[in-house]
Amino acid sequence: MSKTPPSETKEIFSNTQNLGKFFDEFEKSIKQYHLMATTLQSECAQSCKKILETQISAQQEFFTKSGFDKNSNEPIQKTMNQYFDSMAKLVSTQNQIMTNIMESCRQNVRLCSENWSKFAEQNSKIMQSWNPGERS
């Protein structure tokens, strides 16, 4: 017969260290994903800004070289202002939608956790009713 070292046990539910390691790694990954998503978002915003600035600069050069009077074209100026106002509203609306979605997801996870606790409690009561000699 082999002897079990003092630090080891044969009970299947006694080794919760691996569960702790799992959640430690999981929490690290959350922080890493957050940082990566934030960095990507910032990079995308900077890239879009650069692209638009470059495009506007090219259009200004085209207008200048073509002889168009870029200062007196009120309809184009009005259209561009409306376009950028609409884009700002779009970003604001998108932000509000994403905020609502994330909050809804957070609430669903919390409710799932609460329901799971109630489910486990109910299972415990059922187990006790099957074996009335072991009440806790």
N, C-alpha and C. Protein backbone atom coordinates (compact mmCIF):
# COMPACT_ATOMS: atom_id res chain seq x y z
N MET A 1 0.82 -1.18 0.00
CA MET A 1 0.00 0.00 0.00
C MET A 1 0.87 1.25 0.00
N SER A 2 0.48 2.20 -0.82
CA SER A 2 1.25 3.43 -0.85
C SER A 2 0.68 4.41 0.16
N LYS A 3 1.57 5.17 0.77
CA LYS A 3 1.15 6.15 1.76
C LYS A 3 0.89 7.48 1.05
N THR A 4 -0.14 8.18 1.46
CA THR A 4 -0.44 9.50 0.93
C THR A 4 0.34 10.51 1.75
N PRO A 5 1.13 11.39 1.10
CA PRO A 5 1.88 12.40 1.84
C PRO A 5 0.91 13.28 2.65
N PRO A 6 1.38 13.86 3.79
CA PRO A 6 0.50 14.64 4.65
C PRO A 6 -0.18 15.81 3.93
N SER A 7 0.48 16.42 2.94
CA SER A 7 -0.11 17.57 2.25
C SER A 7 -1.17 17.16 1.25
N GLU A 8 -1.22 15.89 0.89
CA GLU A 8 -2.20 15.42 -0.07
C GLU A 8 -3.33 14.69 0.64
N THR A 9 -4.49 14.74 0.05
CA THR A 9 -5.61 14.00 0.60
C THR A 9 -6.34 13.34 -0.55
N LYS A 10 -7.06 12.32 -0.23
CA LYS A 10 -7.76 11.60 -1.30
C LYS A 10 -9.17 12.14 -1.54
N GLU A 11 -9.63 13.08 -0.71
CA GLU A 11 -10.98 13.61 -0.90
C GLU A 11 -11.01 14.46 -2.18
N ILE A 12 -11.99 14.20 -3.01
CA ILE A 12 -12.01 14.86 -4.33
C ILE A 12 -12.29 16.36 -4.26
N PHE A 13 -12.92 16.84 -3.19
CA PHE A 13 -13.25 18.27 -3.12
C PHE A 13 -12.27 19.07 -2.28
N SER A 14 -11.18 18.46 -1.86
CA SER A 14 -10.26 19.16 -0.97
C SER A 14 -9.27 20.06 -1.70
N ASN A 15 -9.04 19.84 -2.98
CA ASN A 15 -8.04 20.59 -3.72
C ASN A 15 -8.67 21.80 -4.41
N THR A 16 -8.83 22.87 -3.66
CA THR A 16 -9.40 24.08 -4.24
C THR A 16 -8.32 25.06 -4.66
N GLN A 17 -7.06 24.71 -4.46
CA GLN A 17 -5.97 25.59 -4.87
C GLN A 17 -6.00 25.85 -6.37
N ASN A 18 -6.32 24.83 -7.14
CA ASN A 18 -6.37 25.00 -8.60
C ASN A 18 -7.47 25.97 -9.00
N LEU A 19 -8.56 25.95 -8.26
CA LEU A 19 -9.65 26.89 -8.53
C LEU A 19 -9.17 28.31 -8.26
N GLY A 20 -8.44 28.49 -7.17
CA GLY A 20 -7.88 29.80 -6.86
C GLY A 20 -6.92 30.27 -7.94
N LYS A 21 -6.07 29.36 -8.42
CA LYS A 21 -5.13 29.69 -9.50
C LYS A 21 -5.88 30.10 -10.76
N PHE A 22 -6.96 29.36 -11.04
CA PHE A 22 -7.78 29.67 -12.23
C PHE A 22 -8.30 31.09 -12.16
N PHE A 23 -8.88 31.46 -11.02
CA PHE A 23 -9.46 32.81 -10.91
C PHE A 23 -8.38 33.88 -10.84
N ASP A 24 -7.22 33.58 -10.28
CA ASP A 24 -6.11 34.54 -10.32
C ASP A 24 -5.71 34.84 -11.76
N GLU A 25 -5.56 33.78 -12.55
CA GLU A 25 -5.21 33.96 -13.97
C GLU A 25 -6.34 34.67 -14.72
N PHE A 26 -7.56 34.33 -14.39
CA PHE A 26 -8.72 34.94 -15.04
C PHE A 26 -8.74 36.45 -14.76
N GLU A 27 -8.49 36.84 -13.51
CA GLU A 27 -8.48 38.26 -13.16
C GLU A 27 -7.33 38.99 -13.85
N LYS A 28 -6.17 38.34 -13.99
CA LYS A 28 -5.06 38.94 -14.73
C LYS A 28 -5.46 39.17 -16.18
N SER A 29 -6.14 38.19 -16.77
CA SER A 29 -6.52 38.32 -18.18
C SER A 29 -7.52 39.44 -18.37
N ILE A 30 -8.40 39.66 -17.41
CA ILE A 30 -9.36 40.76 -17.51
C ILE A 30 -8.61 42.08 -17.62
N LYS A 31 -7.62 42.26 -16.76
CA LYS A 31 -6.83 43.50 -16.79
C LYS A 31 -6.08 43.64 -18.11
N GLN A 32 -5.52 42.52 -18.60
CA GLN A 32 -4.79 42.56 -19.87
C GLN A 32 -5.73 42.89 -21.03
N TYR A 33 -6.92 42.26 -21.05
CA TYR A 33 -7.88 42.53 -22.11
C TYR A 33 -8.34 43.97 -22.08
N HIS A 34 -8.56 44.49 -20.89
CA HIS A 34 -8.97 45.89 -20.75
C HIS A 34 -7.91 46.82 -21.33
N LEU A 35 -6.67 46.56 -20.96
CA LEU A 35 -5.57 47.39 -21.46
C LEU A 35 -5.46 47.27 -22.98
N MET A 36 -5.55 46.05 -23.51
CA MET A 36 -5.44 45.86 -24.96
C MET A 36 -6.60 46.54 -25.69
N ALA A 37 -7.82 46.42 -25.16
CA ALA A 37 -8.98 47.05 -25.81
C ALA A 37 -8.86 48.56 -25.78
N THR A 38 -8.42 49.11 -24.65
CA THR A 38 -8.25 50.55 -24.53
C THR A 38 -7.17 51.05 -25.48
N THR A 39 -6.07 50.33 -25.57
CA THR A 39 -4.99 50.70 -26.47
C THR A 39 -5.45 50.65 -27.93
N LEU A 40 -6.16 49.59 -28.28
CA LEU A 40 -6.68 49.46 -29.65
C LEU A 40 -7.66 50.58 -29.97
N GLN A 41 -8.54 50.88 -29.03
CA GLN A 41 -9.52 51.94 -29.23
C GLN A 41 -8.82 53.28 -29.45
N SER A 42 -7.81 53.55 -28.64
CA SER A 42 -7.06 54.80 -28.77
C SER A 42 -6.33 54.86 -30.10
N GLU A 43 -5.72 53.75 -30.49
CA GLU A 43 -5.01 53.68 -31.77
C GLU A 43 -5.97 53.92 -32.94
N CYS A 44 -7.14 53.32 -32.87
CA CYS A 44 -8.14 53.51 -33.94
C CYS A 44 -8.58 54.97 -34.02
N ALA A 45 -8.83 55.59 -32.87
CA ALA A 45 -9.24 56.99 -32.86
C ALA A 45 -8.15 57.89 -33.44
N GLN A 46 -6.89 57.64 -33.05
CA GLN A 46 -5.78 58.43 -33.59
C GLN A 46 -5.62 58.22 -35.09
N SER A 47 -5.79 56.99 -35.52
CA SER A 47 -5.67 56.67 -36.94
C SER A 47 -6.78 57.36 -37.75
N CYS A 48 -8.00 57.28 -37.26
CA CYS A 48 -9.12 57.94 -37.95
C CYS A 48 -8.90 59.44 -38.03
N LYS A 49 -8.43 60.02 -36.94
CA LYS A 49 -8.17 61.46 -36.93
C LYS A 49 -7.12 61.82 -37.96
N LYS A 50 -6.04 61.02 -38.02
CA LYS A 50 -4.98 61.27 -39.00
C LYS A 50 -5.50 61.16 -40.43
N ILE A 51 -6.29 60.12 -40.67
CA ILE A 51 -6.84 59.90 -42.01
C ILE A 51 -7.71 61.09 -42.42
N LEU A 52 -8.59 61.52 -41.51
CA LEU A 52 -9.47 62.65 -41.83
C LEU A 52 -8.68 63.94 -42.03
N GLU A 53 -7.70 64.18 -41.18
CA GLU A 53 -6.88 65.39 -41.34
C GLU A 53 -6.13 65.37 -42.67
N THR A 54 -5.61 64.21 -43.05
CA THR A 54 -4.91 64.07 -44.32
C THR A 54 -5.86 64.30 -45.49
N GLN A 55 -7.06 63.73 -45.39
CA GLN A 55 -8.05 63.88 -46.45
C GLN A 55 -8.49 65.33 -46.59
N ILE A 56 -8.72 65.98 -45.47
CA ILE A 56 -9.13 67.39 -45.52
C ILE A 56 -8.01 68.25 -46.10
N SER A 57 -6.78 67.96 -45.70
CA SER A 57 -5.63 68.69 -46.23
C SER A 57 -5.53 68.51 -47.75
N ALA A 58 -5.73 67.29 -48.22
CA ALA A 58 -5.68 67.02 -49.67
C ALA A 58 -6.80 67.76 -50.39
N GLN A 59 -7.98 67.79 -49.79
CA GLN A 59 -9.10 68.51 -50.41
C GLN A 59 -8.85 70.01 -50.44
N GLN A 60 -8.26 70.53 -49.37
CA GLN A 60 -7.91 71.96 -49.35
C GLN A 60 -6.93 72.29 -50.46
N GLU A 61 -5.94 71.43 -50.63
CA GLU A 61 -4.95 71.64 -51.69
C GLU A 61 -5.62 71.57 -53.06
N PHE A 62 -6.52 70.60 -53.24
CA PHE A 62 -7.24 70.48 -54.52
C PHE A 62 -8.05 71.74 -54.80
N PHE A 63 -8.78 72.24 -53.79
CA PHE A 63 -9.58 73.44 -53.98
C PHE A 63 -8.69 74.63 -54.31
N THR A 64 -7.57 74.75 -53.63
CA THR A 64 -6.66 75.88 -53.86
C THR A 64 -6.10 75.83 -55.28
N LYS A 65 -5.62 74.65 -55.70
CA LYS A 65 -5.02 74.52 -57.02
C LYS A 65 -6.05 74.60 -58.15
N SER A 66 -7.30 74.27 -57.85
CA SER A 66 -8.35 74.30 -58.87
C SER A 66 -8.94 75.70 -59.04
N GLY A 67 -8.61 76.59 -58.14
CA GLY A 67 -9.11 77.95 -58.27
C GLY A 67 -10.47 78.16 -57.61
N PHE A 68 -10.98 77.18 -56.91
CA PHE A 68 -12.26 77.36 -56.21
C PHE A 68 -12.06 78.31 -55.03
N ASP A 69 -13.08 79.11 -54.76
CA ASP A 69 -13.04 80.00 -53.61
C ASP A 69 -13.61 79.24 -52.42
N LYS A 70 -12.72 78.69 -51.62
CA LYS A 70 -13.16 77.84 -50.51
C LYS A 70 -13.78 78.63 -49.36
N ASN A 71 -13.64 79.93 -49.35
CA ASN A 71 -14.19 80.74 -48.26
C ASN A 71 -15.63 81.17 -48.50
N SER A 72 -16.09 81.15 -49.73
CA SER A 72 -17.42 81.70 -50.01
C SER A 72 -18.47 80.64 -50.33
N ASN A 73 -18.14 79.39 -50.23
CA ASN A 73 -19.08 78.33 -50.58
C ASN A 73 -19.87 77.90 -49.35
N GLU A 74 -20.94 78.67 -49.08
CA GLU A 74 -21.75 78.45 -47.88
C GLU A 74 -22.45 77.09 -47.85
N PRO A 75 -23.03 76.60 -48.96
CA PRO A 75 -23.70 75.30 -48.90
C PRO A 75 -22.76 74.15 -48.51
N ILE A 76 -21.54 74.17 -49.03
CA ILE A 76 -20.58 73.12 -48.69
C ILE A 76 -20.19 73.24 -47.22
N GLN A 77 -19.96 74.48 -46.77
CA GLN A 77 -19.61 74.71 -45.37
C GLN A 77 -20.73 74.21 -44.45
N LYS A 78 -21.97 74.51 -44.81
CA LYS A 78 -23.12 74.08 -44.01
C LYS A 78 -23.23 72.54 -43.99
N THR A 79 -23.02 71.93 -45.16
CA THR A 79 -23.08 70.46 -45.26
C THR A 79 -22.00 69.81 -44.41
N MET A 80 -20.79 70.36 -44.47
CA MET A 80 -19.71 69.79 -43.67
C MET A 80 -19.99 69.94 -42.18
N ASN A 81 -20.50 71.08 -41.76
CA ASN A 81 -20.83 71.27 -40.35
C ASN A 81 -21.92 70.28 -39.90
N GLN A 82 -22.94 70.10 -40.75
CA GLN A 82 -23.99 69.14 -40.43
C GLN A 82 -23.43 67.72 -40.35
N TYR A 83 -22.53 67.40 -41.26
CA TYR A 83 -21.92 66.07 -41.28
C TYR A 83 -21.17 65.80 -39.98
N PHE A 84 -20.32 66.75 -39.56
CA PHE A 84 -19.54 66.54 -38.34
C PHE A 84 -20.42 66.57 -37.10
N ASP A 85 -21.49 67.38 -37.10
CA ASP A 85 -22.45 67.34 -35.99
C ASP A 85 -23.12 65.97 -35.91
N SER A 86 -23.51 65.45 -37.08
CA SER A 86 -24.15 64.13 -37.13
C SER A 86 -23.20 63.04 -36.65
N MET A 87 -21.94 63.14 -37.03
CA MET A 87 -20.95 62.15 -36.60
C MET A 87 -20.76 62.20 -35.07
N ALA A 88 -20.73 63.41 -34.52
CA ALA A 88 -20.59 63.56 -33.07
C ALA A 88 -21.80 62.94 -32.36
N LYS A 89 -22.99 63.17 -32.90
CA LYS A 89 -24.20 62.57 -32.31
C LYS A 89 -24.17 61.05 -32.43
N LEU A 90 -23.66 60.55 -33.56
CA LEU A 90 -23.55 59.11 -33.76
C LEU A 90 -22.64 58.49 -32.70
N VAL A 91 -21.50 59.09 -32.47
CA VAL A 91 -20.57 58.57 -31.47
C VAL A 91 -21.20 58.62 -30.08
N SER A 92 -21.89 59.70 -29.78
CA SER A 92 -22.55 59.83 -28.48
C SER A 92 -23.63 58.76 -28.31
N THR A 93 -24.43 58.55 -29.35
CA THR A 93 -25.49 57.53 -29.30
C THR A 93 -24.88 56.14 -29.17
N GLN A 94 -23.84 55.87 -29.95
CA GLN A 94 -23.16 54.57 -29.88
C GLN A 94 -22.61 54.34 -28.48
N ASN A 95 -22.03 55.36 -27.88
CA ASN A 95 -21.49 55.25 -26.53
C ASN A 95 -22.61 54.93 -25.54
N GLN A 96 -23.75 55.58 -25.68
CA GLN A 96 -24.87 55.33 -24.77
C GLN A 96 -25.39 53.90 -24.95
N ILE A 97 -25.49 53.45 -26.18
CA ILE A 97 -25.96 52.08 -26.44
C ILE A 97 -24.99 51.06 -25.83
N MET A 98 -23.70 51.25 -26.05
CA MET A 98 -22.70 50.32 -25.50
C MET A 98 -22.70 50.34 -23.97
N THR A 99 -22.87 51.53 -23.40
CA THR A 99 -22.96 51.63 -21.94
C THR A 99 -24.16 50.85 -21.42
N ASN A 100 -25.30 50.99 -22.08
CA ASN A 100 -26.51 50.27 -21.69
C ASN A 100 -26.33 48.76 -21.84
N ILE A 101 -25.70 48.34 -22.94
CA ILE A 101 -25.47 46.91 -23.17
C ILE A 101 -24.56 46.34 -22.08
N MET A 102 -23.47 47.04 -21.79
CA MET A 102 -22.53 46.56 -20.77
C MET A 102 -23.19 46.50 -19.40
N GLU A 103 -23.99 47.50 -19.07
CA GLU A 103 -24.68 47.50 -17.78
C GLU A 103 -25.68 46.36 -17.71
N SER A 104 -26.37 46.11 -18.80
CA SER A 104 -27.33 44.99 -18.85
C SER A 104 -26.60 43.66 -18.67
N CYS A 105 -25.47 43.50 -19.33
CA CYS A 105 -24.67 42.28 -19.17
C CYS A 105 -24.21 42.11 -17.73
N ARG A 106 -23.75 43.20 -17.12
CA ARG A 106 -23.29 43.14 -15.73
C ARG A 106 -24.44 42.70 -14.82
N GLN A 107 -25.61 43.28 -15.03
CA GLN A 107 -26.76 42.91 -14.21
C GLN A 107 -27.16 41.45 -14.43
N ASN A 108 -27.08 40.98 -15.67
CA ASN A 108 -27.41 39.58 -15.95
C ASN A 108 -26.44 38.63 -15.28
N VAL A 109 -25.17 38.97 -15.27
CA VAL A 109 -24.18 38.12 -14.60
C VAL A 109 -24.45 38.09 -13.10
N ARG A 110 -24.73 39.26 -12.54
CA ARG A 110 -25.04 39.33 -11.10
C ARG A 110 -26.27 38.50 -10.77
N LEU A 111 -27.33 38.62 -11.58
CA LEU A 111 -28.55 37.85 -11.35
C LEU A 111 -28.30 36.35 -11.50
N CYS A 112 -27.49 35.98 -12.46
CA CYS A 112 -27.14 34.57 -12.65
C CYS A 112 -26.45 34.03 -11.41
N SER A 113 -25.52 34.81 -10.88
CA SER A 113 -24.81 34.40 -9.68
C SER A 113 -25.76 34.26 -8.50
N GLU A 114 -26.65 35.22 -8.34
CA GLU A 114 -27.64 35.14 -7.25
C GLU A 114 -28.55 33.93 -7.43
N ASN A 115 -29.00 33.70 -8.65
CA ASN A 115 -29.87 32.55 -8.91
C ASN A 115 -29.14 31.24 -8.67
N TRP A 116 -27.86 31.20 -9.03
CA TRP A 116 -27.09 29.97 -8.83
C TRP A 116 -26.96 29.68 -7.34
N SER A 117 -26.78 30.71 -6.54
CA SER A 117 -26.70 30.53 -5.08
C SER A 117 -28.02 29.98 -4.55
N LYS A 118 -29.11 30.51 -5.04
CA LYS A 118 -30.43 30.01 -4.61
C LYS A 118 -30.64 28.57 -5.07
N PHE A 119 -30.18 28.27 -6.27
CA PHE A 119 -30.28 26.92 -6.80
C PHE A 119 -29.49 25.94 -5.93
N ALA A 120 -28.29 26.33 -5.56
CA ALA A 120 -27.44 25.48 -4.70
C ALA A 120 -28.10 25.30 -3.33
N GLU A 121 -28.68 26.36 -2.81
CA GLU A 121 -29.38 26.28 -1.52
C GLU A 121 -30.56 25.32 -1.62
N GLN A 122 -31.30 25.41 -2.70
CA GLN A 122 -32.45 24.51 -2.91
C GLN A 122 -31.98 23.06 -3.04
N ASN A 123 -30.90 22.84 -3.76
CA ASN A 123 -30.34 21.48 -3.90
C ASN A 123 -29.95 20.92 -2.54
N SER A 124 -29.37 21.76 -1.70
CA SER A 124 -28.98 21.34 -0.36
C SER A 124 -30.20 20.92 0.45
N LYS A 125 -31.27 21.68 0.33
CA LYS A 125 -32.51 21.34 1.05
C LYS A 125 -33.10 20.03 0.54
N ILE A 126 -33.02 19.82 -0.76
CA ILE A 126 -33.52 18.56 -1.34
C ILE A 126 -32.69 17.39 -0.82
N MET A 127 -31.38 17.56 -0.80
CA MET A 127 -30.49 16.50 -0.31
C MET A 127 -30.81 16.19 1.16
N GLN A 128 -31.08 17.22 1.95
CA GLN A 128 -31.41 17.01 3.36
C GLN A 128 -32.74 16.26 3.51
N SER A 129 -33.68 16.55 2.63
CA SER A 129 -34.98 15.88 2.73
C SER A 129 -34.85 14.39 2.36
N TRP A 130 -33.89 14.06 1.53
CA TRP A 130 -33.65 12.66 1.18
C TRP A 130 -32.96 11.90 2.30
N ASN A 131 -32.18 12.63 3.08
CA ASN A 131 -31.42 11.99 4.15
C ASN A 131 -31.66 12.80 5.44
N PRO A 132 -32.82 12.61 6.09
CA PRO A 132 -33.19 13.44 7.23
C PRO A 132 -32.27 13.27 8.43
N GLY A 133 -31.45 12.26 8.47
CA GLY A 133 -30.54 12.04 9.60
C GLY A 133 -29.37 13.00 9.61
N GLU A 134 -29.08 13.67 8.50
CA GLU A 134 -27.92 14.57 8.41
C GLU A 134 -28.37 16.00 8.24
N ARG A 135 -28.92 16.60 9.21
CA ARG A 135 -29.34 18.01 9.16
C ARG A 135 -28.19 18.89 9.62
N SER A 136 -28.03 20.00 8.94
CA SER A 136 -26.95 20.90 9.35
C SER A 136 -27.48 22.18 9.90
